[in-house]
Amino acid sequence: MARGSDDYILVLYYSRSGSTARMAAEIARGVESAGVPARLRTVPPVSPDTEASAPPVPDEGAPYCRPEELRDCAGLLMGSPTRFGNMAAPLRYFLDQTGDMWLDGSLAGKPAGVFTSTGSIHGGQETTLLSMMLPLLHHGMLIAGIPYSEARLMRTTSGGTPYGASHWAGGSEGAQLTEDEIALCRAQGARVAELVNKLGERGQ
């Protein structure tokens, strides 16, 4: 299918301390550097109190994602802090509600990538990235990592993996992304955008 002028890549994330949100912003810059609009969206937190609910619009940051924004995207980049080697519950809860998209194949054949942030350098970055891919593979999405042609993968001393962009926060909520982490975030965003463009060209 040819790419339309209103196509966009959804950059969907959950962030508790701000690190994953900062990564999402850099990934969106990478997407747009390749000529595809990026749409930044987050998900509300979940609560053990069944009567608790988040406001319909967050007080700050990106808007909450509507299901149709996922359904209609041309590509997806999804990010979460690690929780015991897996994605955080709010993002998992959002994905658990996409069974209708799985049934009708709405996301099949669309490029996707994943990214994460951890408090320790061996805090589950790779297991989180790999486990985040599983529901996307069930949806039939085409997973894109970061190839080793990106030289910063070989010299980073903080975040950055071939499975997706990552950030080592070092236990500090205000930890800034390193130059290597920023470059790899942008590279991943650009790569997914380039795949969207190439798939669109083939569909013309």
Protein backbone atom coordinates (compact mmCIF):
# COMPACT_ATOMS: atom_id res chain seq x y z
CA MET A 1 0.00 0.00 0.00
CA ALA A 2 1.33 3.43 -0.92
CA ARG A 3 2.13 5.81 1.90
CA GLY A 4 -0.41 8.62 2.13
CA SER A 5 0.27 12.24 2.96
CA ASP A 6 -1.53 11.84 6.29
CA ASP A 7 0.49 8.80 7.41
CA TYR A 8 2.41 9.07 10.68
CA ILE A 9 4.59 6.95 12.94
CA LEU A 10 3.23 6.53 16.44
CA VAL A 11 5.86 6.97 19.19
CA LEU A 12 4.04 5.34 22.10
CA TYR A 13 5.60 5.20 25.56
CA TYR A 14 5.12 5.04 29.30
CA SER A 15 7.49 7.06 31.50
CA ARG A 16 7.61 7.30 35.27
CA SER A 17 10.62 9.52 35.92
CA GLY A 18 10.95 11.21 32.52
CA SER A 19 13.82 9.21 31.02
CA THR A 20 11.69 7.24 28.57
CA ALA A 21 9.82 10.42 27.62
CA ARG A 22 13.12 12.10 26.75
CA MET A 23 14.06 9.11 24.61
CA ALA A 24 10.69 9.27 22.86
CA ALA A 25 11.26 12.92 21.95
CA GLU A 26 14.64 12.10 20.38
CA ILE A 27 13.19 9.12 18.52
CA ALA A 28 10.44 11.38 17.16
CA ARG A 29 13.14 13.76 15.89
CA GLY A 30 14.77 10.85 14.08
CA VAL A 31 11.45 9.86 12.52
CA GLU A 32 10.81 13.36 11.22
CA SER A 33 14.38 13.70 9.90
CA ALA A 34 13.38 10.99 7.39
CA GLY A 35 10.34 12.94 6.26
CA VAL A 36 7.57 11.12 8.14
CA PRO A 37 5.44 12.87 10.78
CA ALA A 38 5.80 11.50 14.32
CA ARG A 39 2.91 11.41 16.78
CA LEU A 40 4.01 11.29 20.46
CA ARG A 41 1.56 9.54 22.75
CA THR A 42 1.68 8.06 26.25
CA VAL A 43 -0.60 5.80 28.32
CA PRO A 44 -2.17 6.46 31.73
CA PRO A 45 -0.87 4.73 34.86
CA VAL A 46 -2.77 1.79 36.29
CA SER A 47 -3.90 1.54 39.90
CA PRO A 48 -4.67 -1.36 42.26
CA ASP A 49 -7.68 0.70 43.37
CA THR A 50 -10.45 -0.29 40.95
CA GLU A 51 -12.25 3.01 41.57
CA ALA A 52 -9.22 5.14 40.71
CA SER A 53 -9.00 6.64 37.26
CA ALA A 54 -6.63 9.02 35.50
CA PRO A 55 -7.87 12.36 34.17
CA PRO A 56 -8.84 12.17 30.47
CA VAL A 57 -5.90 14.44 29.59
CA PRO A 58 -2.54 14.27 31.41
CA ASP A 59 -1.41 17.34 33.33
CA GLU A 60 1.79 17.50 31.28
CA GLY A 61 3.60 15.71 28.49
CA ALA A 62 2.13 13.89 25.51
CA PRO A 63 -1.61 13.14 25.26
CA TYR A 64 -2.90 9.69 26.08
CA CYS A 65 -3.06 7.39 23.08
CA ARG A 66 -6.45 6.53 21.62
CA PRO A 67 -6.79 2.98 20.23
CA GLU A 68 -7.56 4.28 16.75
CA GLU A 69 -4.24 6.13 16.71
CA LEU A 70 -2.47 2.79 17.01
CA ARG A 71 -4.76 1.18 14.44
CA ASP A 72 -4.17 3.92 11.87
CA CYS A 73 -0.40 4.44 12.24
CA ALA A 74 2.00 3.62 9.41
CA GLY A 75 4.63 2.42 11.89
CA LEU A 76 5.21 2.15 15.63
CA LEU A 77 8.03 2.89 18.06
CA MET A 78 7.17 1.74 21.58
CA GLY A 79 9.07 2.50 24.78
CA SER A 80 8.91 1.61 28.45
CA PRO A 81 11.11 1.57 31.53
CA THR A 82 12.00 -1.93 32.61
CA ARG A 83 9.97 -3.67 35.31
CA PHE A 84 11.67 -6.92 36.35
CA GLY A 85 12.96 -7.44 32.83
CA ASN A 86 9.67 -6.60 31.13
CA MET A 87 7.62 -3.60 30.07
CA ALA A 88 5.75 -1.56 32.68
CA ALA A 89 2.16 -2.55 33.51
CA PRO A 90 0.46 0.55 32.00
CA LEU A 91 1.85 -0.17 28.54
CA ARG A 92 1.06 -3.86 28.85
CA TYR A 93 -2.51 -2.99 29.89
CA PHE A 94 -2.91 -0.81 26.81
CA LEU A 95 -1.68 -3.60 24.52
CA ASP A 96 -3.95 -6.13 26.21
CA GLN A 97 -6.89 -4.14 24.84
CA THR A 98 -5.83 -4.52 21.19
CA GLY A 99 -7.33 -7.94 20.55
CA ASP A 100 -9.66 -6.52 17.90
CA MET A 101 -6.65 -5.22 15.96
CA TRP A 102 -5.07 -8.66 16.16
CA LEU A 103 -8.26 -10.25 14.83
CA ASP A 104 -8.55 -7.96 11.82
CA GLY A 105 -4.80 -7.64 11.16
CA SER A 106 -4.74 -3.85 11.44
CA LEU A 107 -1.04 -3.75 12.37
CA ALA A 108 0.22 -6.61 10.20
CA GLY A 109 3.04 -5.66 7.86
CA LYS A 110 3.80 -2.33 9.54
CA PRO A 111 7.36 -1.54 10.77
CA ALA A 112 7.94 -1.31 14.52
CA GLY A 113 10.75 -0.83 17.02
CA VAL A 114 11.13 -0.77 20.80
CA PHE A 115 13.17 1.25 23.31
CA THR A 116 13.74 1.26 27.06
CA SER A 117 15.40 2.92 30.06
CA THR A 118 16.86 1.28 33.18
CA GLY A 119 18.28 2.41 36.50
CA SER A 120 21.29 0.08 36.26
CA ILE A 121 23.36 -0.78 33.23
CA HIS A 122 22.55 -4.49 33.59
CA GLY A 123 19.00 -3.87 34.78
CA GLY A 124 17.18 -5.83 32.09
CA GLN A 125 17.50 -3.64 29.02
CA GLU A 126 17.78 -6.49 26.54
CA THR A 127 15.14 -8.73 28.13
CA THR A 128 12.74 -5.79 28.26
CA LEU A 129 13.32 -4.98 24.59
CA LEU A 130 12.96 -8.59 23.49
CA SER A 131 9.83 -9.18 25.55
CA MET A 132 8.28 -5.95 24.22
CA MET A 133 8.67 -7.35 20.71
CA LEU A 134 6.49 -10.39 21.43
CA PRO A 135 3.03 -8.76 21.27
CA LEU A 136 4.14 -6.81 18.19
CA LEU A 137 5.20 -10.04 16.50
CA HIS A 138 1.79 -11.52 17.35
CA HIS A 139 0.27 -8.52 15.56
CA GLY A 140 2.38 -9.34 12.50
CA MET A 141 4.51 -6.21 12.71
CA LEU A 142 7.97 -6.02 11.10
CA ILE A 143 10.52 -5.51 13.89
CA ALA A 144 13.44 -3.16 13.25
CA GLY A 145 16.40 -2.88 15.59
CA ILE A 146 19.58 -0.82 15.23
CA PRO A 147 22.20 -2.33 12.89
CA TYR A 148 25.89 -2.33 13.75
CA SER A 149 26.45 -0.02 10.81
CA GLU A 150 25.62 2.58 13.48
CA ALA A 151 29.18 2.95 14.83
CA ARG A 152 28.01 4.30 18.19
CA LEU A 153 26.72 0.83 19.10
CA MET A 154 30.33 -0.29 19.40
CA ARG A 155 31.57 2.62 21.48
CA THR A 156 28.70 3.55 23.78
CA THR A 157 29.50 3.21 27.50
CA SER A 158 25.89 3.72 28.57
CA GLY A 159 22.75 2.72 26.68
CA GLY A 160 22.33 1.38 23.16
CA THR A 161 21.62 -2.16 21.89
CA PRO A 162 21.03 -3.81 18.51
CA TYR A 163 17.52 -4.71 19.74
CA GLY A 164 16.57 -1.06 20.17
CA ALA A 165 17.59 2.21 21.74
CA SER A 166 18.18 2.27 25.50
CA HIS A 167 19.23 4.64 28.26
CA TRP A 168 21.14 4.04 31.47
CA ALA A 169 19.64 6.43 34.03
CA GLY A 170 22.07 5.34 36.75
CA GLY A 171 19.47 5.58 39.49
CA SER A 172 19.00 9.32 38.89
CA GLU A 173 15.58 10.53 37.78
CA GLY A 174 17.16 13.61 36.22
CA ALA A 175 19.87 11.76 34.31
CA GLN A 176 20.31 13.24 30.85
CA LEU A 177 20.76 11.17 27.71
CA THR A 178 24.35 10.86 26.52
CA GLU A 179 25.38 11.91 23.02
CA ASP A 180 25.59 8.26 21.99
CA GLU A 181 22.14 7.49 23.40
CA ILE A 182 20.63 10.49 21.59
CA ALA A 183 22.26 9.51 18.31
CA LEU A 184 21.03 5.91 18.59
CA CYS A 185 17.49 7.05 19.46
CA ARG A 186 17.44 9.24 16.37
CA ALA A 187 18.96 6.48 14.24
CA GLN A 188 16.23 4.05 15.27
CA GLY A 189 13.50 6.59 14.59
CA ALA A 190 14.95 7.33 11.17
CA ARG A 191 15.30 3.63 10.33
CA VAL A 192 11.63 2.87 11.03
CA ALA A 193 10.63 5.95 9.02
CA GLU A 194 12.83 4.84 6.11
CA LEU A 195 11.14 1.42 6.17
CA VAL A 196 7.73 3.11 6.08
CA ASN A 197 8.89 5.13 3.07
CA LYS A 198 10.28 2.08 1.26
CA LEU A 199 7.13 0.04 1.84
CA GLY A 200 5.09 2.97 0.56
CA GLU A 201 7.20 3.22 -2.60
CA ARG A 202 6.68 -0.47 -3.34
CA GLY A 203 2.94 -0.06 -2.97
CA GLN A 204 2.72 2.75 -5.52
